[in-house]
Amino acid sequence: MTTQEWDAPGGPVLAGIREPDHTLALELVRITEAAAIAAGRWVGHGDKNNGKAAAIDAMHDLIKSVSVRGVVVIGEGDKRDTPVLFNGEDVGDGDGPVCDVGISAGDGALSLVGDVPYSISAIAVAERGAMYRPASIHYMDKLAVGPDCVDVVDINRPVAENLRAVAKAKDVRVPDVVVAVLNRPRHRELVHEIRDAGARVHLLEGGDVAGAIAAARSESPVDMLLGAGGAGEGVIAAAALSCLGGSLQARLRPKDSENGEKKPDTGHDFDKVLYTDDLVRGEDVLFCATGVTGNELLRGVQQHSGYTSTQSIVMCSKPDTLRIVRSEHRHAK
């Protein structure tokens, strides 16, 4: 994996889903940047809905001009639930490669206390038919690791056993292993289990896409991601991990009933383990994300005198490339 720092505009460009494609990466960065800036304007205001709505509108306005013939596979819900960026919506300008598109306008829930709207805005693009469709399933149990631990973990094993395997693969002690977990009430028992095994817990306040990617980045202190999160975000994270050589293992999680019991769903196999290649197939995968607030992966949107700065990550599986993009968006005079 080649890593480059890229100050936009004027830096190198990315060869993406088709060869040669000198514009697709810049187009995707432009979309995630606009979404992050739109959401970032609501940070600190304690508003539950406007930040995400602004990010969705910004994404939708720009994605219509991208040179792809895309279909939203992972979007903001069904058509009856959202007017734009819904599952099945056609996006792009009708030219370019035919592809699946996964969108996360914000990969976390707004905290009215902490004012953490959404840690990143993200887009994943893959060959048509390559992305897994979670349909009515809202959650997945997830385990994410980097390239050095792909073959040593198993989501069906006890947490302590996986922690020992990761520590051995990284040649560290279990107390040095850092596990990212979404800071949600459903993970109280998991957090205790990780700490009882001797490892460290890093609580994610935003969403788990950034946490999953951080687990696969050698520069990150995070070694593993564990816990239940959105099924759509799991597919988007798998796209990023496929570019990094990491691994996401997942099990579909049935909906909870009102009394907390699991609702049966005969249409899905909740015991089957889904791997990275099950969630995103094909050789041509592109992922782009921009930070909204500072998180495990990227710096957040920052306001300066006369301009707004953003930091983004762009990855593609072919060629095997990662770029960190820092952009300055000059304010109109």
C-alpha atoms as a PDB file:
ATOM      1  CA  MET A   1       0.000   0.000   0.000  1.00  0.00           C
ATOM      2  CA  THR A   2       1.469   3.298  -1.122  1.00  0.00           C
ATOM      3  CA  THR A   3       0.626   6.292   1.054  1.00  0.00           C
ATOM      4  CA  GLN A   4       0.911   9.855  -0.216  1.00  0.00           C
ATOM      5  CA  GLU A   5       0.172  13.235   1.276  1.00  0.00           C
ATOM      6  CA  TRP A   6      -1.816  15.235  -1.232  1.00  0.00           C
ATOM      7  CA  ASP A   7      -2.596  18.928  -0.909  1.00  0.00           C
ATOM      8  CA  ALA A   8      -5.496  19.629  -3.221  1.00  0.00           C
ATOM      9  CA  PRO A   9      -5.730  21.088  -5.743  1.00  0.00           C
ATOM     10  CA  GLY A  10      -2.647  20.461  -7.851  1.00  0.00           C
ATOM     11  CA  GLY A  11      -1.520  17.083  -6.465  1.00  0.00           C
ATOM     12  CA  PRO A  12      -1.421  13.619  -8.025  1.00  0.00           C
ATOM     13  CA  VAL A  13      -4.637  12.015  -9.193  1.00  0.00           C
ATOM     14  CA  LEU A  14      -6.036   8.549  -8.693  1.00  0.00           C
ATOM     15  CA  ALA A  15      -6.538   5.852 -11.272  1.00  0.00           C
ATOM     16  CA  GLY A  16      -9.800   4.337 -10.188  1.00  0.00           C
ATOM     17  CA  ILE A  17     -12.594   2.100 -11.340  1.00  0.00           C
ATOM     18  CA  ARG A  18     -11.712   2.303 -15.023  1.00  0.00           C
ATOM     19  CA  GLU A  19      -8.338   2.766 -16.683  1.00  0.00           C
ATOM     20  CA  PRO A  20      -7.355   5.470 -17.054  1.00  0.00           C
ATOM     21  CA  ASP A  21      -9.602   7.523 -14.737  1.00  0.00           C
ATOM     22  CA  HIS A  22      -7.914  10.772 -13.765  1.00  0.00           C
ATOM     23  CA  THR A  23     -11.004  12.484 -12.384  1.00  0.00           C
ATOM     24  CA  LEU A  24     -13.119  10.058 -10.369  1.00  0.00           C
ATOM     25  CA  ALA A  25     -11.113  10.402  -7.148  1.00  0.00           C
ATOM     26  CA  LEU A  26     -11.278  14.184  -7.265  1.00  0.00           C
ATOM     27  CA  GLU A  27     -15.005  14.033  -7.912  1.00  0.00           C
ATOM     28  CA  LEU A  28     -15.589  11.780  -4.903  1.00  0.00           C
ATOM     29  CA  VAL A  29     -13.404  13.914  -2.644  1.00  0.00           C
ATOM     30  CA  ARG A  30     -15.370  16.955  -3.721  1.00  0.00           C
ATOM     31  CA  ILE A  31     -18.594  15.229  -2.614  1.00  0.00           C
ATOM     32  CA  THR A  32     -17.405  14.009   0.782  1.00  0.00           C
ATOM     33  CA  GLU A  33     -15.764  17.369   1.472  1.00  0.00           C
ATOM     34  CA  ALA A  34     -18.992  19.229   0.715  1.00  0.00           C
ATOM     35  CA  ALA A  35     -20.973  16.870   2.959  1.00  0.00           C
ATOM     36  CA  ALA A  36     -18.475  17.215   5.807  1.00  0.00           C
ATOM     37  CA  ILE A  37     -18.456  21.018   5.586  1.00  0.00           C
ATOM     38  CA  ALA A  38     -22.269  21.121   5.528  1.00  0.00           C
ATOM     39  CA  ALA A  39     -22.529  18.868   8.599  1.00  0.00           C
ATOM     40  CA  GLY A  40     -19.687  20.692  10.317  1.00  0.00           C
ATOM     41  CA  ARG A  41     -21.659  23.915  10.389  1.00  0.00           C
ATOM     42  CA  TRP A  42     -24.001  22.292  12.919  1.00  0.00           C
ATOM     43  CA  VAL A  43     -21.326  21.077  15.325  1.00  0.00           C
ATOM     44  CA  GLY A  44     -21.889  22.667  18.714  1.00  0.00           C
ATOM     45  CA  HIS A  45     -25.521  23.577  18.085  1.00  0.00           C
ATOM     46  CA  GLY A  46     -26.981  20.444  19.683  1.00  0.00           C
ATOM     47  CA  ASP A  47     -29.371  19.845  16.793  1.00  0.00           C
ATOM     48  CA  LYS A  48     -30.202  16.212  16.124  1.00  0.00           C
ATOM     49  CA  ASN A  49     -31.323  16.367  12.504  1.00  0.00           C
ATOM     50  CA  ASN A  50     -30.065  19.421  10.644  1.00  0.00           C
ATOM     51  CA  GLY A  51     -26.421  18.321  10.457  1.00  0.00           C
ATOM     52  CA  LYS A  52     -27.231  15.076   8.721  1.00  0.00           C
ATOM     53  CA  ALA A  53     -29.870  16.665   6.497  1.00  0.00           C
ATOM     54  CA  ALA A  54     -27.346  19.256   5.342  1.00  0.00           C
ATOM     55  CA  ALA A  55     -24.771  16.550   4.583  1.00  0.00           C
ATOM     56  CA  ILE A  56     -27.288  14.488   2.600  1.00  0.00           C
ATOM     57  CA  ASP A  57     -28.376  17.502   0.537  1.00  0.00           C
ATOM     58  CA  ALA A  58     -24.755  18.428  -0.213  1.00  0.00           C
ATOM     59  CA  MET A  59     -23.935  14.890  -1.312  1.00  0.00           C
ATOM     60  CA  HIS A  60     -27.019  14.587  -3.473  1.00  0.00           C
ATOM     61  CA  ASP A  61     -26.442  17.920  -5.210  1.00  0.00           C
ATOM     62  CA  LEU A  62     -22.917  16.936  -6.290  1.00  0.00           C
ATOM     63  CA  ILE A  63     -23.169  13.211  -6.952  1.00  0.00           C
ATOM     64  CA  LYS A  64     -25.501  13.879  -9.859  1.00  0.00           C
ATOM     65  CA  SER A  65     -22.554  15.304 -11.788  1.00  0.00           C
ATOM     66  CA  VAL A  66     -20.088  12.445 -11.147  1.00  0.00           C
ATOM     67  CA  SER A  67     -18.983  10.521 -14.244  1.00  0.00           C
ATOM     68  CA  VAL A  68     -20.509   7.162 -13.333  1.00  0.00           C
ATOM     69  CA  ARG A  69     -23.647   5.177 -14.022  1.00  0.00           C
ATOM     70  CA  GLY A  70     -24.202   4.290 -10.410  1.00  0.00           C
ATOM     71  CA  VAL A  71     -26.918   2.708  -8.297  1.00  0.00           C
ATOM     72  CA  VAL A  72     -27.111   3.434  -4.570  1.00  0.00           C
ATOM     73  CA  VAL A  73     -26.834   0.059  -2.825  1.00  0.00           C
ATOM     74  CA  ILE A  74     -26.094   1.463   0.637  1.00  0.00           C
ATOM     75  CA  GLY A  75     -27.997   4.705   1.108  1.00  0.00           C
ATOM     76  CA  GLU A  76     -30.115   6.567   3.616  1.00  0.00           C
ATOM     77  CA  GLY A  77     -32.944   4.027   3.584  1.00  0.00           C
ATOM     78  CA  ASP A  78     -35.802   2.994   1.335  1.00  0.00           C
ATOM     79  CA  LYS A  79     -37.498   5.433  -1.036  1.00  0.00           C
ATOM     80  CA  ARG A  80     -40.468   5.728   1.301  1.00  0.00           C
ATOM     81  CA  ASP A  81     -38.131   6.845   4.105  1.00  0.00           C
ATOM     82  CA  THR A  82     -35.981   9.470   2.349  1.00  0.00           C
ATOM     83  CA  PRO A  83     -36.477  11.590  -0.780  1.00  0.00           C
ATOM     84  CA  VAL A  84     -32.837  11.418  -1.892  1.00  0.00           C
ATOM     85  CA  LEU A  85     -29.894   8.981  -1.715  1.00  0.00           C
ATOM     86  CA  PHE A  86     -32.327   6.123  -1.128  1.00  0.00           C
ATOM     87  CA  ASN A  87     -31.468   2.493  -1.819  1.00  0.00           C
ATOM     88  CA  GLY A  88     -31.893   1.839  -5.530  1.00  0.00           C
ATOM     89  CA  GLU A  89     -31.580   5.462  -6.671  1.00  0.00           C
ATOM     90  CA  ASP A  90     -29.661   6.058  -9.899  1.00  0.00           C
ATOM     91  CA  VAL A  91     -26.767   8.483  -9.406  1.00  0.00           C
ATOM     92  CA  GLY A  92     -24.127  10.035 -11.630  1.00  0.00           C
ATOM     93  CA  ASP A  93     -24.335  11.785 -14.948  1.00  0.00           C
ATOM     94  CA  GLY A  94     -25.117   8.633 -16.950  1.00  0.00           C
ATOM     95  CA  ASP A  95     -21.597   8.403 -18.369  1.00  0.00           C
ATOM     96  CA  GLY A  96     -18.635   6.329 -17.227  1.00  0.00           C
ATOM     97  CA  PRO A  97     -18.440   2.985 -15.420  1.00  0.00           C
ATOM     98  CA  VAL A  98     -21.472   1.038 -14.257  1.00  0.00           C
ATOM     99  CA  CYS A  99     -21.081   0.616 -10.515  1.00  0.00           C
ATOM    100  CA  ASP A 100     -22.528   0.098  -7.057  1.00  0.00           C
ATOM    101  CA  VAL A 101     -22.359   3.076  -4.714  1.00  0.00           C
ATOM    102  CA  GLY A 102     -22.365   3.051  -0.923  1.00  0.00           C
ATOM    103  CA  ILE A 103     -22.999   6.330   0.904  1.00  0.00           C
ATOM    104  CA  SER A 104     -22.659   7.339   4.527  1.00  0.00           C
ATOM    105  CA  ALA A 105     -23.568  10.984   5.023  1.00  0.00           C
ATOM    106  CA  GLY A 106     -22.694  10.455   8.669  1.00  0.00           C
ATOM    107  CA  ASP A 107     -21.542   7.220  10.277  1.00  0.00           C
ATOM    108  CA  GLY A 108     -22.687   7.953  13.818  1.00  0.00           C
ATOM    109  CA  ALA A 109     -25.560   9.319  15.857  1.00  0.00           C
ATOM    110  CA  LEU A 110     -25.690  12.933  16.972  1.00  0.00           C
ATOM    111  CA  SER A 111     -24.958  13.301  20.652  1.00  0.00           C
ATOM    112  CA  LEU A 112     -26.907  16.167  22.170  1.00  0.00           C
ATOM    113  CA  VAL A 113     -24.502  16.124  25.109  1.00  0.00           C
ATOM    114  CA  GLY A 114     -21.182  15.761  23.348  1.00  0.00           C
ATOM    115  CA  ASP A 115     -22.089  17.519  20.093  1.00  0.00           C
ATOM    116  CA  VAL A 116     -20.463  14.815  17.964  1.00  0.00           C
ATOM    117  CA  PRO A 117     -22.609  14.890  14.827  1.00  0.00           C
ATOM    118  CA  TYR A 118     -20.876  12.476  12.443  1.00  0.00           C
ATOM    119  CA  SER A 119     -17.227  11.524  12.488  1.00  0.00           C
ATOM    120  CA  ILE A 120     -16.871  11.108   8.712  1.00  0.00           C
ATOM    121  CA  SER A 121     -18.769  11.405   5.461  1.00  0.00           C
ATOM    122  CA  ALA A 122     -17.900   8.542   3.125  1.00  0.00           C
ATOM    123  CA  ILE A 123     -18.491   7.075  -0.334  1.00  0.00           C
ATOM    124  CA  ALA A 124     -17.536   3.618  -1.597  1.00  0.00           C
ATOM    125  CA  VAL A 125     -17.667   2.633  -5.273  1.00  0.00           C
ATOM    126  CA  ALA A 126     -17.331  -0.894  -6.658  1.00  0.00           C
ATOM    127  CA  GLU A 127     -18.225  -2.878  -9.751  1.00  0.00           C
ATOM    128  CA  ARG A 128     -21.921  -3.367 -10.466  1.00  0.00           C
ATOM    129  CA  GLY A 129     -23.299  -6.160  -8.335  1.00  0.00           C
ATOM    130  CA  ALA A 130     -20.245  -6.220  -6.064  1.00  0.00           C
ATOM    131  CA  MET A 131     -21.797  -4.812  -2.877  1.00  0.00           C
ATOM    132  CA  TYR A 132     -23.775  -6.902  -0.419  1.00  0.00           C
ATOM    133  CA  ARG A 133     -27.339  -5.679   0.095  1.00  0.00           C
ATOM    134  CA  PRO A 134     -28.342  -5.923   3.761  1.00  0.00           C
ATOM    135  CA  ALA A 135     -31.998  -5.271   2.832  1.00  0.00           C
ATOM    136  CA  SER A 136     -34.112  -5.069   6.008  1.00  0.00           C
ATOM    137  CA  ILE A 137     -31.248  -5.906   8.365  1.00  0.00           C
ATOM    138  CA  HIS A 138     -30.163  -2.884  10.371  1.00  0.00           C
ATOM    139  CA  TYR A 139     -27.247  -4.226  12.395  1.00  0.00           C
ATOM    140  CA  MET A 140     -24.226  -6.477  12.164  1.00  0.00           C
ATOM    141  CA  ASP A 141     -21.866  -7.873  14.758  1.00  0.00           C
ATOM    142  CA  LYS A 142     -18.423  -6.880  13.462  1.00  0.00           C
ATOM    143  CA  LEU A 143     -14.767  -7.728  13.938  1.00  0.00           C
ATOM    144  CA  ALA A 144     -12.216  -5.696  11.969  1.00  0.00           C
ATOM    145  CA  VAL A 145      -8.418  -6.051  11.899  1.00  0.00           C
ATOM    146  CA  GLY A 146      -5.498  -5.021   9.727  1.00  0.00           C
ATOM    147  CA  PRO A 147      -3.445  -7.083   7.257  1.00  0.00           C
ATOM    148  CA  ASP A 148      -1.194  -8.563   9.958  1.00  0.00           C
ATOM    149  CA  CYS A 149      -4.121 -10.192  11.773  1.00  0.00           C
ATOM    150  CA  VAL A 150      -6.410 -11.311   8.935  1.00  0.00           C
ATOM    151  CA  ASP A 151      -5.758 -15.031   9.403  1.00  0.00           C
ATOM    152  CA  VAL A 152      -5.579 -15.187  13.207  1.00  0.00           C
ATOM    153  CA  VAL A 153      -9.023 -13.965  14.353  1.00  0.00           C
ATOM    154  CA  ASP A 154     -12.473 -15.507  14.201  1.00  0.00           C
ATOM    155  CA  ILE A 155     -15.674 -13.675  15.175  1.00  0.00           C
ATOM    156  CA  ASN A 156     -17.064 -16.950  16.560  1.00  0.00           C
ATOM    157  CA  ARG A 157     -14.232 -17.328  19.074  1.00  0.00           C
ATOM    158  CA  PRO A 158     -14.315 -15.858  22.589  1.00  0.00           C
ATOM    159  CA  VAL A 159     -13.117 -12.266  22.853  1.00  0.00           C
ATOM    160  CA  ALA A 160     -10.148 -13.206  25.059  1.00  0.00           C
ATOM    161  CA  GLU A 161      -8.949 -15.774  22.524  1.00  0.00           C
ATOM    162  CA  ASN A 162      -9.012 -13.237  19.691  1.00  0.00           C
ATOM    163  CA  LEU A 163      -7.161 -10.714  21.834  1.00  0.00           C
ATOM    164  CA  ARG A 164      -4.378 -13.211  22.534  1.00  0.00           C
ATOM    165  CA  ALA A 165      -4.151 -14.023  18.824  1.00  0.00           C
ATOM    166  CA  VAL A 166      -3.869 -10.343  17.874  1.00  0.00           C
ATOM    167  CA  ALA A 167      -1.239  -9.734  20.557  1.00  0.00           C
ATOM    168  CA  LYS A 168       0.807 -12.676  19.289  1.00  0.00           C
ATOM    169  CA  ALA A 169       0.557 -11.550  15.645  1.00  0.00           C
ATOM    170  CA  LYS A 170       1.652  -8.031  16.569  1.00  0.00           C
ATOM    171  CA  ASP A 171       4.319  -9.267  18.991  1.00  0.00           C
ATOM    172  CA  VAL A 172       2.910  -7.267  21.895  1.00  0.00           C
ATOM    173  CA  ARG A 173       1.293  -8.094  25.221  1.00  0.00           C
ATOM    174  CA  VAL A 174      -2.484  -8.360  25.543  1.00  0.00           C
ATOM    175  CA  PRO A 175      -2.501  -5.264  27.823  1.00  0.00           C
ATOM    176  CA  ASP A 176      -1.043  -3.327  24.874  1.00  0.00           C
ATOM    177  CA  VAL A 177      -3.857  -4.288  22.474  1.00  0.00           C
ATOM    178  CA  VAL A 178      -6.367  -1.484  21.839  1.00  0.00           C
ATOM    179  CA  VAL A 179      -9.922  -2.419  20.826  1.00  0.00           C
ATOM    180  CA  ALA A 180     -12.293   0.163  19.326  1.00  0.00           C
ATOM    181  CA  VAL A 181     -15.920  -0.197  20.468  1.00  0.00           C
ATOM    182  CA  LEU A 182     -18.886   2.064  19.761  1.00  0.00           C
ATOM    183  CA  ASN A 183     -19.844   3.919  22.926  1.00  0.00           C
ATOM    184  CA  ARG A 184     -23.384   2.564  23.100  1.00  0.00           C
ATOM    185  CA  PRO A 185     -25.364   0.979  25.976  1.00  0.00           C
ATOM    186  CA  ARG A 186     -25.542  -2.332  24.082  1.00  0.00           C
ATOM    187  CA  HIS A 187     -21.776  -2.726  24.450  1.00  0.00           C
ATOM    188  CA  ARG A 188     -21.478  -2.517  28.231  1.00  0.00           C
ATOM    189  CA  GLU A 189     -20.927  -6.274  28.589  1.00  0.00           C
ATOM    190  CA  LEU A 190     -18.470  -6.351  25.667  1.00  0.00           C
ATOM    191  CA  VAL A 191     -16.422  -3.531  27.200  1.00  0.00           C
ATOM    192  CA  HIS A 192     -16.219  -5.421  30.499  1.00  0.00           C
ATOM    193  CA  GLU A 193     -15.194  -8.591  28.657  1.00  0.00           C
ATOM    194  CA  ILE A 194     -12.354  -6.824  26.825  1.00  0.00           C
ATOM    195  CA  ARG A 195     -11.069  -5.194  29.988  1.00  0.00           C
ATOM    196  CA  ASP A 196     -11.365  -8.413  31.993  1.00  0.00           C
ATOM    197  CA  ALA A 197      -9.164 -10.063  29.349  1.00  0.00           C
ATOM    198  CA  GLY A 198      -6.540  -7.384  30.027  1.00  0.00           C
ATOM    199  CA  ALA A 199      -6.815  -5.321  26.822  1.00  0.00           C
ATOM    200  CA  ARG A 200      -7.590  -1.628  26.414  1.00  0.00           C
ATOM    201  CA  VAL A 201     -10.868  -0.159  25.169  1.00  0.00           C
ATOM    202  CA  HIS A 202     -11.060   2.854  22.883  1.00  0.00           C
ATOM    203  CA  LEU A 203     -14.644   4.127  22.843  1.00  0.00           C
ATOM    204  CA  LEU A 204     -15.902   5.463  19.518  1.00  0.00           C
ATOM    205  CA  GLU A 205     -18.174   8.479  19.901  1.00  0.00           C
ATOM    206  CA  GLY A 206     -19.032   8.844  16.227  1.00  0.00           C
ATOM    207  CA  GLY A 207     -19.448   5.777  14.025  1.00  0.00           C
ATOM    208  CA  ASP A 208     -17.619   2.531  13.458  1.00  0.00           C
ATOM    209  CA  VAL A 209     -16.516   3.055   9.837  1.00  0.00           C
ATOM    210  CA  ALA A 210     -13.634   5.248  11.004  1.00  0.00           C
ATOM    211  CA  GLY A 211     -12.875   2.770  13.779  1.00  0.00           C
ATOM    212  CA  ALA A 212     -12.742  -0.181  11.399  1.00  0.00           C
ATOM    213  CA  ILE A 213     -10.365   1.642   9.062  1.00  0.00           C
ATOM    214  CA  ALA A 214      -8.219   2.785  11.987  1.00  0.00           C
ATOM    215  CA  ALA A 215      -7.799  -0.869  13.004  1.00  0.00           C
ATOM    216  CA  ALA A 216      -6.168  -1.548   9.634  1.00  0.00           C
ATOM    217  CA  ARG A 217      -3.870   1.488   9.596  1.00  0.00           C
ATOM    218  CA  SER A 218      -0.357   0.940  10.945  1.00  0.00           C
ATOM    219  CA  GLU A 219      -0.211   4.592  12.065  1.00  0.00           C
ATOM    220  CA  SER A 220      -3.264   4.144  14.291  1.00  0.00           C
ATOM    221  CA  PRO A 221      -3.153   2.995  17.929  1.00  0.00           C
ATOM    222  CA  VAL A 222      -6.297   0.896  17.313  1.00  0.00           C
ATOM    223  CA  ASP A 223      -5.633  -2.825  16.763  1.00  0.00           C
ATOM    224  CA  MET A 224      -9.148  -4.224  16.414  1.00  0.00           C
ATOM    225  CA  LEU A 225     -12.781  -3.178  16.129  1.00  0.00           C
ATOM    226  CA  LEU A 226     -15.485  -5.182  17.918  1.00  0.00           C
ATOM    227  CA  GLY A 227     -19.200  -4.756  18.451  1.00  0.00           C
ATOM    228  CA  ALA A 228     -22.545  -4.270  16.751  1.00  0.00           C
ATOM    229  CA  GLY A 229     -23.103  -1.454  14.299  1.00  0.00           C
ATOM    230  CA  GLY A 230     -25.076  -0.523  11.211  1.00  0.00           C
ATOM    231  CA  ALA A 231     -25.213  -3.131   8.461  1.00  0.00           C
ATOM    232  CA  GLY A 232     -24.805  -0.533   5.721  1.00  0.00           C
ATOM    233  CA  GLU A 233     -21.788   0.953   7.472  1.00  0.00           C
ATOM    234  CA  GLY A 234     -20.364  -2.577   7.641  1.00  0.00           C
ATOM    235  CA  VAL A 235     -20.461  -2.858   3.852  1.00  0.00           C
ATOM    236  CA  ILE A 236     -18.847   0.565   3.437  1.00  0.00           C
ATOM    237  CA  ALA A 237     -16.133  -0.338   5.962  1.00  0.00           C
ATOM    238  CA  ALA A 238     -15.526  -3.601   4.087  1.00  0.00           C
ATOM    239  CA  ALA A 239     -14.899  -1.610   0.912  1.00  0.00           C
ATOM    240  CA  ALA A 240     -12.235   0.424   2.685  1.00  0.00           C
ATOM    241  CA  LEU A 241     -10.663  -2.640   4.307  1.00  0.00           C
ATOM    242  CA  SER A 242     -10.504  -4.433   0.952  1.00  0.00           C
ATOM    243  CA  CYS A 243      -8.303  -1.579  -0.261  1.00  0.00           C
ATOM    244  CA  LEU A 244      -6.110  -1.816   2.848  1.00  0.00           C
ATOM    245  CA  GLY A 245      -5.715  -5.587   2.853  1.00  0.00           C
ATOM    246  CA  GLY A 246      -7.511  -5.796   6.180  1.00  0.00           C
ATOM    247  CA  SER A 247     -10.451  -7.955   7.157  1.00  0.00           C
ATOM    248  CA  LEU A 248     -14.017  -7.427   8.299  1.00  0.00           C
ATOM    249  CA  GLN A 249     -15.929 -10.399   9.676  1.00  0.00           C
ATOM    250  CA  ALA A 250     -19.632  -9.906  10.339  1.00  0.00           C
ATOM    251  CA  ARG A 251     -22.788 -11.688  11.424  1.00  0.00           C
ATOM    252  CA  LEU A 252     -26.211 -10.306  10.670  1.00  0.00           C
ATOM    253  CA  ARG A 253     -27.987  -9.246  13.838  1.00  0.00           C
ATOM    254  CA  PRO A 254     -31.770  -9.682  14.122  1.00  0.00           C
ATOM    255  CA  LYS A 255     -33.942  -6.771  15.164  1.00  0.00           C
ATOM    256  CA  ASP A 256     -34.734  -6.357  18.831  1.00  0.00           C
ATOM    257  CA  SER A 257     -38.354  -6.548  19.874  1.00  0.00           C
ATOM    258  CA  GLU A 258     -39.866  -4.038  22.287  1.00  0.00           C
ATOM    259  CA  ASN A 259     -39.013  -6.235  25.280  1.00  0.00           C
ATOM    260  CA  GLY A 260     -35.426  -6.693  24.160  1.00  0.00           C
ATOM    261  CA  GLU A 261     -35.821 -10.202  22.750  1.00  0.00           C
ATOM    262  CA  LYS A 262     -34.555 -11.054  19.290  1.00  0.00           C
ATOM    263  CA  LYS A 263     -37.182 -11.235  16.584  1.00  0.00           C
ATOM    264  CA  PRO A 264     -36.927 -14.345  14.400  1.00  0.00           C
ATOM    265  CA  ASP A 265     -36.283 -13.708  10.733  1.00  0.00           C
ATOM    266  CA  THR A 266     -36.445 -16.786   8.535  1.00  0.00           C
ATOM    267  CA  GLY A 267     -35.130 -14.897   5.525  1.00  0.00           C
ATOM    268  CA  HIS A 268     -31.608 -14.526   6.887  1.00  0.00           C
ATOM    269  CA  ASP A 269     -28.944 -16.806   8.302  1.00  0.00           C
ATOM    270  CA  PHE A 270     -27.814 -15.128  11.516  1.00  0.00           C
ATOM    271  CA  ASP A 271     -25.167 -17.763  12.211  1.00  0.00           C
ATOM    272  CA  LYS A 272     -23.319 -17.360   8.919  1.00  0.00           C
ATOM    273  CA  VAL A 273     -20.105 -15.359   9.021  1.00  0.00           C
ATOM    274  CA  LEU A 274     -19.741 -12.822   6.226  1.00  0.00           C
ATOM    275  CA  TYR A 275     -16.193 -11.919   5.238  1.00  0.00           C
ATOM    276  CA  THR A 276     -14.790  -8.914   3.396  1.00  0.00           C
ATOM    277  CA  ASP A 277     -15.158 -10.587   0.004  1.00  0.00           C
ATOM    278  CA  ASP A 278     -18.772 -11.461   0.789  1.00  0.00           C
ATOM    279  CA  LEU A 279     -19.574  -7.839   1.537  1.00  0.00           C
ATOM    280  CA  VAL A 280     -17.666  -6.249  -1.353  1.00  0.00           C
ATOM    281  CA  ARG A 281     -16.585  -8.415  -4.274  1.00  0.00           C
ATOM    282  CA  GLY A 282     -14.532  -7.567  -7.342  1.00  0.00           C
ATOM    283  CA  GLU A 283     -11.061  -6.196  -7.952  1.00  0.00           C
ATOM    284  CA  ASP A 284     -11.941  -2.537  -8.495  1.00  0.00           C
ATOM    285  CA  VAL A 285     -12.962  -0.794  -5.290  1.00  0.00           C
ATOM    286  CA  LEU A 286     -12.610   2.888  -4.444  1.00  0.00           C
ATOM    287  CA  PHE A 287     -13.249   4.503  -1.060  1.00  0.00           C
ATOM    288  CA  CYS A 288     -13.231   8.155  -0.036  1.00  0.00           C
ATOM    289  CA  ALA A 289     -14.006   9.800   3.317  1.00  0.00           C
ATOM    290  CA  THR A 290     -13.720  13.294   4.814  1.00  0.00           C
ATOM    291  CA  GLY A 291     -13.610  14.071   8.527  1.00  0.00           C
ATOM    292  CA  VAL A 292     -16.451  16.094  10.045  1.00  0.00           C
ATOM    293  CA  THR A 293     -15.212  16.211  13.615  1.00  0.00           C
ATOM    294  CA  GLY A 294     -11.808  14.976  14.739  1.00  0.00           C
ATOM    295  CA  ASN A 295     -11.853  11.191  14.979  1.00  0.00           C
ATOM    296  CA  GLU A 296      -9.663   8.096  14.919  1.00  0.00           C
ATOM    297  CA  LEU A 297      -8.972   8.468  11.220  1.00  0.00           C
ATOM    298  CA  LEU A 298      -9.056  12.115  10.128  1.00  0.00           C
ATOM    299  CA  ARG A 299      -8.999  15.678  11.362  1.00  0.00           C
ATOM    300  CA  GLY A 300     -12.359  17.378  11.354  1.00  0.00           C
ATOM    301  CA  VAL A 301     -13.549  20.435   9.461  1.00  0.00           C
ATOM    302  CA  GLN A 302     -11.731  23.555  10.662  1.00  0.00           C
ATOM    303  CA  GLN A 303     -12.732  27.162  10.105  1.00  0.00           C
ATOM    304  CA  HIS A 304     -10.003  29.737   9.428  1.00  0.00           C
ATOM    305  CA  SER A 305      -9.941  33.359   8.421  1.00  0.00           C
ATOM    306  CA  GLY A 306     -10.938  33.336   4.770  1.00  0.00           C
ATOM    307  CA  TYR A 307     -11.108  29.571   4.252  1.00  0.00           C
ATOM    308  CA  THR A 308     -12.284  26.197   5.565  1.00  0.00           C
ATOM    309  CA  SER A 309      -9.893  23.234   5.719  1.00  0.00           C
ATOM    310  CA  THR A 310     -10.745  19.548   5.410  1.00  0.00           C
ATOM    311  CA  GLN A 311      -8.815  16.305   5.564  1.00  0.00           C
ATOM    312  CA  SER A 312      -9.810  13.270   3.514  1.00  0.00           C
ATOM    313  CA  ILE A 313      -8.592   9.762   2.776  1.00  0.00           C
ATOM    314  CA  VAL A 314      -8.786   8.223  -0.703  1.00  0.00           C
ATOM    315  CA  MET A 315      -8.078   4.537  -1.285  1.00  0.00           C
ATOM    316  CA  CYS A 316      -8.358   2.228  -4.244  1.00  0.00           C
ATOM    317  CA  SER A 317      -7.641  -1.466  -4.598  1.00  0.00           C
ATOM    318  CA  LYS A 318      -6.259  -1.228  -8.137  1.00  0.00           C
ATOM    319  CA  PRO A 319      -3.760   0.331  -8.214  1.00  0.00           C
ATOM    320  CA  ASP A 320      -3.061  -0.336  -4.538  1.00  0.00           C
ATOM    321  CA  THR A 321      -2.929   3.268  -3.349  1.00  0.00           C
ATOM    322  CA  LEU A 322      -3.845   5.408  -0.362  1.00  0.00           C
ATOM    323  CA  ARG A 323      -3.748   9.183  -0.295  1.00  0.00           C
ATOM    324  CA  ILE A 324      -4.388  11.693   2.458  1.00  0.00           C
ATOM    325  CA  VAL A 325      -5.898  14.840   0.984  1.00  0.00           C
ATOM    326  CA  ARG A 326      -5.800  18.212   2.724  1.00  0.00           C
ATOM    327  CA  SER A 327      -7.938  20.864   1.050  1.00  0.00           C
ATOM    328  CA  GLU A 328      -8.481  24.574   1.619  1.00  0.00           C
ATOM    329  CA  HIS A 329     -11.892  25.869   0.551  1.00  0.00           C
ATOM    330  CA  ARG A 330     -11.651  29.621   0.054  1.00  0.00           C
ATOM    331  CA  HIS A 331     -14.612  31.690   1.179  1.00  0.00           C
ATOM    332  CA  ALA A 332     -16.352  33.820  -1.405  1.00  0.00           C
ATOM    333  CA  LYS A 333     -15.590  37.500  -1.050  1.00  0.00           C
END
